[in-house]
Amino acid sequence: MFAKVIFSGSGGQGIQLASKVFCQACVEENLNISLIPSYGAEMRGGNTTCRMVVSDSIIASPLFDEATHILVLTDLAYQSFKTSLMEKGILVYDEKVSAEKPAYKIQMVKIRAIHLADKEINNLQLLNSVALGAFIKSTKLISLDSAEKAIKKIIGAKKKDLFEANMEALKLGFQKGIA
């Protein structure tokens, strides 16, 4: 297994936390992972991105130009990375993003993360877990079980009150997140 993954959205959407959970889930599956987070000085509203390389063997370099999998939650994120997806890659994007099919062959997966976080959970702060659940379901890079273990390790110890809410959001995204 070898994947080059980008998560991107707006500051405050939880992209950085979703990436950390994804990375920990990879560790739970005995995969090697590298993570390069990138965000502006703004706390909320600025573009935020994480680039990850996942492999079952040694990772020679964490840098890449073309991704195999991309998750975008905003139009700006889509515009920034729409040409960074390699042919036959998977683009996972929220239904509020104006994504267009490129000239080359990719798989496009529309998700309902913002809608589910806002209308079903009534908490946009859980958008990241909903989006991660839908990403896991659509890409099959990691298992839902591994992501649940990762949430327990990352969120459970620090914010026990948010642990259950994030677990429910992850499961909701996995079950109902694909549009």
Foldseek 3Di string as FASTA:
>chain_A
DKWKEKEKEWQLQCSVVLVQLVCQLLVVVVKDKDKDKDWDPDNTGTMIMIIMMIGNDDDPDSDDQAGQEYEYEEQVSCVVCVVRHDAQGEYEYEPVHPDDDDPGHYHYWYWPLCVCCCPVVVHSSLSSLLSSLLRCLVPVPGDLVSSLVSLCVPVCVPPVVCSVVSNVSNVCSNVHTTD
